[in-house]
PDB file of all heavy atoms in Angstrom:
ATOM      1  N   PHE A   1       3.149   7.575   3.194  1.00  0.00           N
ATOM      2  CA  PHE A   1       3.940   7.097   4.328  1.00  0.00           C
ATOM      3  C   PHE A   1       3.534   7.797   5.632  1.00  0.00           C
ATOM      4  O   PHE A   1       3.567   7.197   6.693  1.00  0.00           O
ATOM      5  CB  PHE A   1       5.442   7.280   4.066  1.00  0.00           C
ATOM      6  CG  PHE A   1       6.010   6.220   3.157  1.00  0.00           C
ATOM      7  CD1 PHE A   1       6.732   6.578   2.038  1.00  0.00           C
ATOM      8  CD2 PHE A   1       5.799   4.882   3.407  1.00  0.00           C
ATOM      9  CE1 PHE A   1       7.255   5.606   1.193  1.00  0.00           C
ATOM     10  CE2 PHE A   1       6.321   3.897   2.570  1.00  0.00           C
ATOM     11  CZ  PHE A   1       7.033   4.266   1.462  1.00  0.00           C
ATOM     12  N   ALA A   2       3.116   9.050   5.539  1.00  0.00           N
ATOM     13  CA  ALA A   2       2.628   9.753   6.737  1.00  0.00           C
ATOM     14  C   ALA A   2       1.362   9.080   7.258  1.00  0.00           C
ATOM     15  O   ALA A   2       1.188   8.925   8.467  1.00  0.00           O
ATOM     16  CB  ALA A   2       2.369  11.220   6.405  1.00  0.00           C
ATOM     17  N   MET A   3       0.480   8.661   6.336  1.00  0.00           N
ATOM     18  CA  MET A   3      -0.731   7.943   6.758  1.00  0.00           C
ATOM     19  C   MET A   3      -0.370   6.627   7.433  1.00  0.00           C
ATOM     20  O   MET A   3      -0.961   6.241   8.444  1.00  0.00           O
ATOM     21  CB  MET A   3      -1.636   7.682   5.551  1.00  0.00           C
ATOM     22  CG  MET A   3      -2.292   8.912   4.985  1.00  0.00           C
ATOM     23  SD  MET A   3      -3.332   8.509   3.568  1.00  0.00           S
ATOM     24  CE  MET A   3      -4.682   7.664   4.382  1.00  0.00           C
ATOM     25  N   LEU A   4       0.605   5.915   6.858  1.00  0.00           N
ATOM     26  CA  LEU A   4       1.025   4.639   7.450  1.00  0.00           C
ATOM     27  C   LEU A   4       1.605   4.857   8.848  1.00  0.00           C
ATOM     28  O   LEU A   4       1.320   4.081   9.770  1.00  0.00           O
ATOM     29  CB  LEU A   4       2.045   3.946   6.547  1.00  0.00           C
ATOM     30  CG  LEU A   4       1.564   3.469   5.182  1.00  0.00           C
ATOM     31  CD1 LEU A   4       2.708   2.822   4.428  1.00  0.00           C
ATOM     32  CD2 LEU A   4       0.394   2.510   5.315  1.00  0.00           C
ATOM     33  N   GLU A   5       2.423   5.881   8.991  1.00  0.00           N
ATOM     34  CA  GLU A   5       3.006   6.164  10.302  1.00  0.00           C
ATOM     35  C   GLU A   5       1.946   6.500  11.332  1.00  0.00           C
ATOM     36  O   GLU A   5       2.083   6.174  12.508  1.00  0.00           O
ATOM     37  CB  GLU A   5       4.035   7.311  10.191  1.00  0.00           C
ATOM     38  CG  GLU A   5       5.320   6.909   9.491  1.00  0.00           C
ATOM     39  CD  GLU A   5       6.078   5.805  10.202  1.00  0.00           C
ATOM     40  OE1 GLU A   5       6.071   5.754  11.454  1.00  0.00           O
ATOM     41  OE2 GLU A   5       6.684   4.967   9.509  1.00  0.00           O
ATOM     42  N   ARG A   6       0.862   7.161  10.877  1.00  0.00           N
ATOM     43  CA  ARG A   6      -0.240   7.499  11.796  1.00  0.00           C
ATOM     44  C   ARG A   6      -1.189   6.313  11.975  1.00  0.00           C
ATOM     45  O   ARG A   6      -2.161   6.416  12.711  1.00  0.00           O
ATOM     46  CB  ARG A   6      -1.007   8.704  11.247  1.00  0.00           C
ATOM     47  CG  ARG A   6      -0.228  10.003  11.251  1.00  0.00           C
ATOM     48  CD  ARG A   6      -1.101  11.200  10.943  1.00  0.00           C
ATOM     49  NE  ARG A   6      -1.828  11.098   9.691  1.00  0.00           N
ATOM     50  CZ  ARG A   6      -1.414  11.576   8.507  1.00  0.00           C
ATOM     51  NH1 ARG A   6      -0.246  12.196   8.429  1.00  0.00           N
ATOM     52  NH2 ARG A   6      -2.155  11.444   7.438  1.00  0.00           N
ATOM     53  N   ARG A   7      -0.905   5.224  11.303  1.00  0.00           N
ATOM     54  CA  ARG A   7      -1.726   4.008  11.368  1.00  0.00           C
ATOM     55  C   ARG A   7      -3.162   4.285  10.944  1.00  0.00           C
ATOM     56  O   ARG A   7      -4.118   3.863  11.585  1.00  0.00           O
ATOM     57  CB  ARG A   7      -1.700   3.367  12.761  1.00  0.00           C
ATOM     58  CG  ARG A   7      -0.313   3.041  13.305  1.00  0.00           C
ATOM     59  CD  ARG A   7       0.428   2.094  12.386  1.00  0.00           C
ATOM     60  NE  ARG A   7       1.573   1.462  13.027  1.00  0.00           N
ATOM     61  CZ  ARG A   7       2.829   1.672  12.662  1.00  0.00           C
ATOM     62  NH1 ARG A   7       3.106   2.514  11.713  1.00  0.00           N
ATOM     63  NH2 ARG A   7       3.803   1.022  13.249  1.00  0.00           N
ATOM     64  N   GLU A   8      -3.305   4.987   9.814  1.00  0.00           N
ATOM     65  CA  GLU A   8      -4.615   5.300   9.272  1.00  0.00           C
ATOM     66  C   GLU A   8      -4.959   4.345   8.137  1.00  0.00           C
ATOM     67  O   GLU A   8      -4.079   3.858   7.430  1.00  0.00           O
ATOM     68  CB  GLU A   8      -4.643   6.745   8.744  1.00  0.00           C
ATOM     69  CG  GLU A   8      -4.465   7.789   9.813  1.00  0.00           C
ATOM     70  CD  GLU A   8      -4.411   9.192   9.238  1.00  0.00           C
ATOM     71  OE1 GLU A   8      -4.465   9.343   7.999  1.00  0.00           O
ATOM     72  OE2 GLU A   8      -4.308  10.142  10.028  1.00  0.00           O
ATOM     73  N   SER A   9      -6.249   4.131   7.939  1.00  0.00           N
ATOM     74  CA  SER A   9      -6.707   3.329   6.802  1.00  0.00           C
ATOM     75  C   SER A   9      -6.476   4.119   5.517  1.00  0.00           C
ATOM     76  O   SER A   9      -6.441   5.344   5.518  1.00  0.00           O
ATOM     77  CB  SER A   9      -8.204   3.025   6.942  1.00  0.00           C
ATOM     78  OG  SER A   9      -8.440   2.278   8.096  1.00  0.00           O
ATOM     79  N   PHE A  10      -6.314   3.379   4.408  1.00  0.00           N
ATOM     80  CA  PHE A  10      -6.191   4.029   3.102  1.00  0.00           C
ATOM     81  C   PHE A  10      -6.884   3.156   2.067  1.00  0.00           C
ATOM     82  O   PHE A  10      -7.048   1.953   2.250  1.00  0.00           O
ATOM     83  CB  PHE A  10      -4.728   4.292   2.731  1.00  0.00           C
ATOM     84  CG  PHE A  10      -3.891   3.053   2.638  1.00  0.00           C
ATOM     85  CD1 PHE A  10      -3.727   2.383   1.421  1.00  0.00           C
ATOM     86  CD2 PHE A  10      -3.262   2.534   3.759  1.00  0.00           C
ATOM     87  CE1 PHE A  10      -2.960   1.238   1.333  1.00  0.00           C
ATOM     88  CE2 PHE A  10      -2.492   1.380   3.678  1.00  0.00           C
ATOM     89  CZ  PHE A  10      -2.343   0.728   2.463  1.00  0.00           C
ATOM     90  N   SER A  11      -7.309   3.798   0.974  1.00  0.00           N
ATOM     91  CA  SER A  11      -8.037   3.069  -0.073  1.00  0.00           C
ATOM     92  C   SER A  11      -7.515   3.467  -1.450  1.00  0.00           C
ATOM     93  O   SER A  11      -7.246   4.642  -1.706  1.00  0.00           O
ATOM     94  CB  SER A  11      -9.527   3.382  -0.024  1.00  0.00           C
ATOM     95  OG  SER A  11     -10.097   2.917   1.167  1.00  0.00           O
ATOM     96  N   ASN A  12      -7.382   2.476  -2.315  1.00  0.00           N
ATOM     97  CA  ASN A  12      -7.074   2.672  -3.727  1.00  0.00           C
ATOM     98  C   ASN A  12      -5.831   3.539  -3.962  1.00  0.00           C
ATOM     99  O   ASN A  12      -5.828   4.414  -4.816  1.00  0.00           O
ATOM    100  CB  ASN A  12      -8.280   3.256  -4.465  1.00  0.00           C
ATOM    101  CG  ASN A  12      -9.487   2.357  -4.325  1.00  0.00           C
ATOM    102  OD1 ASN A  12      -9.394   1.148  -4.465  1.00  0.00           O
ATOM    103  ND2 ASN A  12     -10.632   2.951  -4.027  1.00  0.00           N
ATOM    104  N   PHE A  13      -4.795   3.272  -3.172  1.00  0.00           N
ATOM    105  CA  PHE A  13      -3.523   3.947  -3.407  1.00  0.00           C
ATOM    106  C   PHE A  13      -2.840   3.255  -4.586  1.00  0.00           C
ATOM    107  O   PHE A  13      -2.617   2.048  -4.566  1.00  0.00           O
ATOM    108  CB  PHE A  13      -2.640   3.884  -2.160  1.00  0.00           C
ATOM    109  CG  PHE A  13      -1.301   4.534  -2.341  1.00  0.00           C
ATOM    110  CD1 PHE A  13      -1.196   5.916  -2.353  1.00  0.00           C
ATOM    111  CD2 PHE A  13      -0.165   3.769  -2.532  1.00  0.00           C
ATOM    112  CE1 PHE A  13       0.037   6.533  -2.525  1.00  0.00           C
ATOM    113  CE2 PHE A  13       1.062   4.373  -2.702  1.00  0.00           C
ATOM    114  CZ  PHE A  13       1.169   5.757  -2.709  1.00  0.00           C
ATOM    115  N   GLU A  14      -2.542   4.024  -5.624  1.00  0.00           N
ATOM    116  CA  GLU A  14      -2.007   3.449  -6.855  1.00  0.00           C
ATOM    117  C   GLU A  14      -0.510   3.712  -6.983  1.00  0.00           C
ATOM    118  O   GLU A  14      -0.046   4.829  -6.707  1.00  0.00           O
ATOM    119  CB  GLU A  14      -2.749   4.016  -8.068  1.00  0.00           C
ATOM    120  CG  GLU A  14      -4.207   3.637  -8.086  1.00  0.00           C
ATOM    121  CD  GLU A  14      -4.928   4.170  -9.306  1.00  0.00           C
ATOM    122  OE1 GLU A  14      -4.275   4.773 -10.198  1.00  0.00           O
ATOM    123  OE2 GLU A  14      -6.156   3.967  -9.375  1.00  0.00           O
ATOM    124  N   TYR A  15       0.193   2.688  -7.391  1.00  0.00           N
ATOM    125  CA  TYR A  15       1.622   2.848  -7.678  1.00  0.00           C
ATOM    126  C   TYR A  15       2.064   1.775  -8.657  1.00  0.00           C
ATOM    127  O   TYR A  15       1.333   0.833  -8.961  1.00  0.00           O
ATOM    128  CB  TYR A  15       2.461   2.836  -6.400  1.00  0.00           C
ATOM    129  CG  TYR A  15       2.552   1.515  -5.670  1.00  0.00           C
ATOM    130  CD1 TYR A  15       3.636   0.664  -5.862  1.00  0.00           C
ATOM    131  CD2 TYR A  15       1.565   1.138  -4.756  1.00  0.00           C
ATOM    132  CE1 TYR A  15       3.722  -0.537  -5.185  1.00  0.00           C
ATOM    133  CE2 TYR A  15       1.662  -0.050  -4.065  1.00  0.00           C
ATOM    134  CZ  TYR A  15       2.743  -0.886  -4.281  1.00  0.00           C
ATOM    135  OH  TYR A  15       2.830  -2.067  -3.598  1.00  0.00           O
ATOM    136  N   VAL A  16       3.276   1.932  -9.162  1.00  0.00           N
ATOM    137  CA  VAL A  16       3.818   0.977 -10.124  1.00  0.00           C
ATOM    138  C   VAL A  16       4.894   0.164  -9.428  1.00  0.00           C
ATOM    139  O   VAL A  16       5.918   0.698  -8.989  1.00  0.00           O
ATOM    140  CB  VAL A  16       4.393   1.679 -11.379  1.00  0.00           C
ATOM    141  CG1 VAL A  16       4.869   0.622 -12.388  1.00  0.00           C
ATOM    142  CG2 VAL A  16       3.365   2.595 -11.988  1.00  0.00           C
ATOM    143  N   ALA A  17       4.630  -1.114  -9.308  1.00  0.00           N
ATOM    144  CA  ALA A  17       5.602  -2.038  -8.740  1.00  0.00           C
ATOM    145  C   ALA A  17       6.409  -2.647  -9.877  1.00  0.00           C
ATOM    146  O   ALA A  17       6.180  -2.370 -11.059  1.00  0.00           O
ATOM    147  CB  ALA A  17       4.878  -3.125  -7.956  1.00  0.00           C
ATOM    148  N   ARG A  18       7.352  -3.476  -9.506  1.00  0.00           N
ATOM    149  CA  ARG A  18       8.134  -4.182 -10.518  1.00  0.00           C
ATOM    150  C   ARG A  18       7.981  -5.674 -10.296  1.00  0.00           C
ATOM    151  O   ARG A  18       7.944  -6.150  -9.155  1.00  0.00           O
ATOM    152  CB  ARG A  18       9.603  -3.779 -10.456  1.00  0.00           C
ATOM    153  CG  ARG A  18      10.250  -4.150  -9.125  1.00  0.00           C
ATOM    154  CD  ARG A  18      11.672  -3.598  -9.021  1.00  0.00           C
ATOM    155  NE  ARG A  18      12.174  -3.778  -7.670  1.00  0.00           N
ATOM    156  CZ  ARG A  18      12.984  -4.784  -7.314  1.00  0.00           C
ATOM    157  NH1 ARG A  18      13.398  -5.659  -8.192  1.00  0.00           N
ATOM    158  NH2 ARG A  18      13.398  -4.885  -6.060  1.00  0.00           N
ATOM    159  N   SER A  19       7.874  -6.403 -11.368  1.00  0.00           N
ATOM    160  CA  SER A  19       7.861  -7.862 -11.263  1.00  0.00           C
ATOM    161  C   SER A  19       9.287  -8.326 -11.008  1.00  0.00           C
ATOM    162  O   SER A  19      10.238  -7.543 -11.084  1.00  0.00           O
ATOM    163  CB  SER A  19       7.338  -8.484 -12.552  1.00  0.00           C
ATOM    164  OG  SER A  19       8.289  -8.331 -13.583  1.00  0.00           O
ATOM    165  N   LYS A  20       9.449  -9.591 -10.708  1.00  0.00           N
ATOM    166  CA  LYS A  20      10.783 -10.119 -10.480  1.00  0.00           C
ATOM    167  C   LYS A  20      11.637  -9.975 -11.731  1.00  0.00           C
ATOM    168  O   LYS A  20      12.845  -9.775 -11.664  1.00  0.00           O
ATOM    169  CB  LYS A  20      10.715 -11.579 -10.044  1.00  0.00           C
ATOM    170  CG  LYS A  20      12.034 -12.122  -9.524  1.00  0.00           C
ATOM    171  CD  LYS A  20      11.864 -13.421  -8.793  1.00  0.00           C
ATOM    172  CE  LYS A  20      13.174 -13.860  -8.167  1.00  0.00           C
ATOM    173  NZ  LYS A  20      13.023 -15.046  -7.332  1.00  0.00           N
ATOM    174  N   ALA A  21      10.979 -10.013 -12.898  1.00  0.00           N
ATOM    175  CA  ALA A  21      11.695  -9.852 -14.161  1.00  0.00           C
ATOM    176  C   ALA A  21      11.948  -8.382 -14.492  1.00  0.00           C
ATOM    177  O   ALA A  21      12.625  -8.082 -15.482  1.00  0.00           O
ATOM    178  CB  ALA A  21      10.881 -10.498 -15.290  1.00  0.00           C
ATOM    179  N   GLY A  22      11.407  -7.468 -13.676  1.00  0.00           N
ATOM    180  CA  GLY A  22      11.644  -6.046 -13.879  1.00  0.00           C
ATOM    181  C   GLY A  22      10.548  -5.321 -14.627  1.00  0.00           C
ATOM    182  O   GLY A  22      10.633  -4.109 -14.828  1.00  0.00           O
ATOM    183  N   ALA A  23       9.512  -6.016 -15.045  1.00  0.00           N
ATOM    184  CA  ALA A  23       8.414  -5.377 -15.784  1.00  0.00           C
ATOM    185  C   ALA A  23       7.537  -4.579 -14.832  1.00  0.00           C
ATOM    186  O   ALA A  23       7.361  -4.943 -13.673  1.00  0.00           O
ATOM    187  CB  ALA A  23       7.582  -6.442 -16.491  1.00  0.00           C
ATOM    188  N   PRO A  24       6.937  -3.474 -15.312  1.00  0.00           N
ATOM    189  CA  PRO A  24       6.029  -2.706 -14.456  1.00  0.00           C
ATOM    190  C   PRO A  24       4.736  -3.461 -14.174  1.00  0.00           C
ATOM    191  O   PRO A  24       4.181  -4.120 -15.050  1.00  0.00           O
ATOM    192  CB  PRO A  24       5.770  -1.423 -15.254  1.00  0.00           C
ATOM    193  CG  PRO A  24       6.184  -1.709 -16.647  1.00  0.00           C
ATOM    194  CD  PRO A  24       7.129  -2.860 -16.621  1.00  0.00           C
ATOM    195  N   VAL A  25       4.255  -3.360 -12.923  1.00  0.00           N
ATOM    196  CA  VAL A  25       3.000  -3.952 -12.509  1.00  0.00           C
ATOM    197  C   VAL A  25       2.224  -2.843 -11.806  1.00  0.00           C
ATOM    198  O   VAL A  25       2.638  -2.346 -10.767  1.00  0.00           O
ATOM    199  CB  VAL A  25       3.204  -5.144 -11.548  1.00  0.00           C
ATOM    200  CG1 VAL A  25       1.860  -5.714 -11.109  1.00  0.00           C
ATOM    201  CG2 VAL A  25       4.073  -6.213 -12.169  1.00  0.00           C
ATOM    202  N   HIS A  26       1.102  -2.417 -12.400  1.00  0.00           N
ATOM    203  CA  HIS A  26       0.294  -1.323 -11.837  1.00  0.00           C
ATOM    204  C   HIS A  26      -0.618  -1.880 -10.755  1.00  0.00           C
ATOM    205  O   HIS A  26      -1.402  -2.788 -11.016  1.00  0.00           O
ATOM    206  CB  HIS A  26      -0.507  -0.640 -12.947  1.00  0.00           C
ATOM    207  CG  HIS A  26       0.366   0.045 -13.946  1.00  0.00           C
ATOM    208  ND1 HIS A  26       0.690   1.377 -13.838  1.00  0.00           N
ATOM    209  CD2 HIS A  26       1.016  -0.429 -15.035  1.00  0.00           C
ATOM    210  CE1 HIS A  26       1.492   1.699 -14.835  1.00  0.00           C
ATOM    211  NE2 HIS A  26       1.697   0.624 -15.584  1.00  0.00           N
ATOM    212  N   LEU A  27      -0.512  -1.327  -9.538  1.00  0.00           N
ATOM    213  CA  LEU A  27      -1.276  -1.810  -8.403  1.00  0.00           C
ATOM    214  C   LEU A  27      -2.132  -0.705  -7.810  1.00  0.00           C
ATOM    215  O   LEU A  27      -1.751   0.453  -7.814  1.00  0.00           O
ATOM    216  CB  LEU A  27      -0.338  -2.338  -7.309  1.00  0.00           C
ATOM    217  CG  LEU A  27       0.574  -3.504  -7.669  1.00  0.00           C
ATOM    218  CD1 LEU A  27       1.497  -3.815  -6.493  1.00  0.00           C
ATOM    219  CD2 LEU A  27      -0.231  -4.728  -8.043  1.00  0.00           C
ATOM    220  N   SER A  28      -3.266  -1.098  -7.292  1.00  0.00           N
ATOM    221  CA  SER A  28      -4.112  -0.250  -6.473  1.00  0.00           C
ATOM    222  C   SER A  28      -4.327  -1.001  -5.166  1.00  0.00           C
ATOM    223  O   SER A  28      -4.851  -2.108  -5.170  1.00  0.00           O
ATOM    224  CB  SER A  28      -5.450   0.021  -7.164  1.00  0.00           C
ATOM    225  OG  SER A  28      -6.306   0.739  -6.303  1.00  0.00           O
ATOM    226  N   VAL A  29      -3.868  -0.418  -4.037  1.00  0.00           N
ATOM    227  CA  VAL A  29      -3.921  -1.125  -2.774  1.00  0.00           C
ATOM    228  C   VAL A  29      -4.754  -0.363  -1.744  1.00  0.00           C
ATOM    229  O   VAL A  29      -4.858   0.864  -1.785  1.00  0.00           O
ATOM    230  CB  VAL A  29      -2.507  -1.393  -2.194  1.00  0.00           C
ATOM    231  CG1 VAL A  29      -1.707  -2.276  -3.119  1.00  0.00           C
ATOM    232  CG2 VAL A  29      -1.772  -0.098  -1.932  1.00  0.00           C
ATOM    233  N   SER A  30      -5.368  -1.136  -0.863  1.00  0.00           N
ATOM    234  CA  SER A  30      -6.121  -0.586   0.256  1.00  0.00           C
ATOM    235  C   SER A  30      -5.702  -1.327   1.506  1.00  0.00           C
ATOM    236  O   SER A  30      -5.328  -2.503   1.429  1.00  0.00           O
ATOM    237  CB  SER A  30      -7.641  -0.758   0.033  1.00  0.00           C
ATOM    238  OG  SER A  30      -8.045  -0.113  -1.152  1.00  0.00           O
ATOM    239  N   GLY A  31      -5.764  -0.649   2.642  1.00  0.00           N
ATOM    240  CA  GLY A  31      -5.363  -1.311   3.876  1.00  0.00           C
ATOM    241  C   GLY A  31      -5.927  -0.618   5.089  1.00  0.00           C
ATOM    242  O   GLY A  31      -6.367   0.529   5.030  1.00  0.00           O
ATOM    243  N   GLN A  32      -5.929  -1.341   6.193  1.00  0.00           N
ATOM    244  CA  GLN A  32      -6.339  -0.748   7.456  1.00  0.00           C
ATOM    245  C   GLN A  32      -5.500  -1.345   8.566  1.00  0.00           C
ATOM    246  O   GLN A  32      -5.102  -2.505   8.516  1.00  0.00           O
ATOM    247  CB  GLN A  32      -7.810  -0.955   7.714  1.00  0.00           C
ATOM    248  CG  GLN A  32      -8.219  -2.357   8.094  1.00  0.00           C
ATOM    249  CD  GLN A  32      -9.695  -2.426   8.412  1.00  0.00           C
ATOM    250  OE1 GLN A  32     -10.520  -1.947   7.667  1.00  0.00           O
ATOM    251  NE2 GLN A  32     -10.021  -3.019   9.535  1.00  0.00           N
ATOM    252  N   PRO A  33      -5.200  -0.522   9.588  1.00  0.00           N
ATOM    253  CA  PRO A  33      -4.382  -1.014  10.693  1.00  0.00           C
ATOM    254  C   PRO A  33      -5.192  -1.922  11.622  1.00  0.00           C
ATOM    255  O   PRO A  33      -6.385  -1.770  11.752  1.00  0.00           O
ATOM    256  CB  PRO A  33      -3.956   0.280  11.400  1.00  0.00           C
ATOM    257  CG  PRO A  33      -5.066   1.234  11.130  1.00  0.00           C
ATOM    258  CD  PRO A  33      -5.559   0.888   9.751  1.00  0.00           C
ATOM    259  N   VAL A  34      -4.501  -2.844  12.235  1.00  0.00           N
ATOM    260  CA  VAL A  34      -5.083  -3.709  13.267  1.00  0.00           C
ATOM    261  C   VAL A  34      -4.256  -3.500  14.520  1.00  0.00           C
ATOM    262  O   VAL A  34      -3.038  -3.642  14.498  1.00  0.00           O
ATOM    263  CB  VAL A  34      -5.057  -5.207  12.826  1.00  0.00           C
ATOM    264  CG1 VAL A  34      -5.592  -6.086  13.928  1.00  0.00           C
ATOM    265  CG2 VAL A  34      -5.822  -5.397  11.528  1.00  0.00           C
ATOM    266  N   PHE A  35      -4.923  -3.136  15.604  1.00  0.00           N
ATOM    267  CA  PHE A  35      -4.208  -2.788  16.845  1.00  0.00           C
ATOM    268  C   PHE A  35      -4.317  -3.923  17.864  1.00  0.00           C
ATOM    269  O   PHE A  35      -5.346  -4.566  17.989  1.00  0.00           O
ATOM    270  CB  PHE A  35      -4.814  -1.532  17.451  1.00  0.00           C
ATOM    271  CG  PHE A  35      -4.665  -0.319  16.567  1.00  0.00           C
ATOM    272  CD1 PHE A  35      -5.690   0.081  15.730  1.00  0.00           C
ATOM    273  CD2 PHE A  35      -3.473   0.400  16.558  1.00  0.00           C
ATOM    274  CE1 PHE A  35      -5.561   1.185  14.912  1.00  0.00           C
ATOM    275  CE2 PHE A  35      -3.331   1.508  15.741  1.00  0.00           C
ATOM    276  CZ  PHE A  35      -4.367   1.908  14.915  1.00  0.00           C
ATOM    277  N   GLY A  36      -3.227  -4.150  18.575  1.00  0.00           N
ATOM    278  CA  GLY A  36      -3.210  -5.102  19.670  1.00  0.00           C
ATOM    279  C   GLY A  36      -3.865  -4.483  20.899  1.00  0.00           C
ATOM    280  O   GLY A  36      -4.209  -3.311  20.929  1.00  0.00           O
ATOM    281  N   THR A  37      -4.002  -5.299  21.936  1.00  0.00           N
ATOM    282  CA  THR A  37      -4.627  -4.824  23.165  1.00  0.00           C
ATOM    283  C   THR A  37      -3.807  -3.709  23.830  1.00  0.00           C
ATOM    284  O   THR A  37      -4.343  -2.895  24.586  1.00  0.00           O
ATOM    285  CB  THR A  37      -4.803  -5.967  24.175  1.00  0.00           C
ATOM    286  OG1 THR A  37      -3.540  -6.578  24.406  1.00  0.00           O
ATOM    287  CG2 THR A  37      -5.786  -7.002  23.643  1.00  0.00           C
TER     288      THR A  37
END
């Protein structure tokens, strides 16, 4: 969350989400910020 607040890119952040039925879903996410003018 500190990286997100600083608007930094991140790669392969892993966590366990939940499906709508409540089952665990293992995710690996990457992202980068996009800045306006």
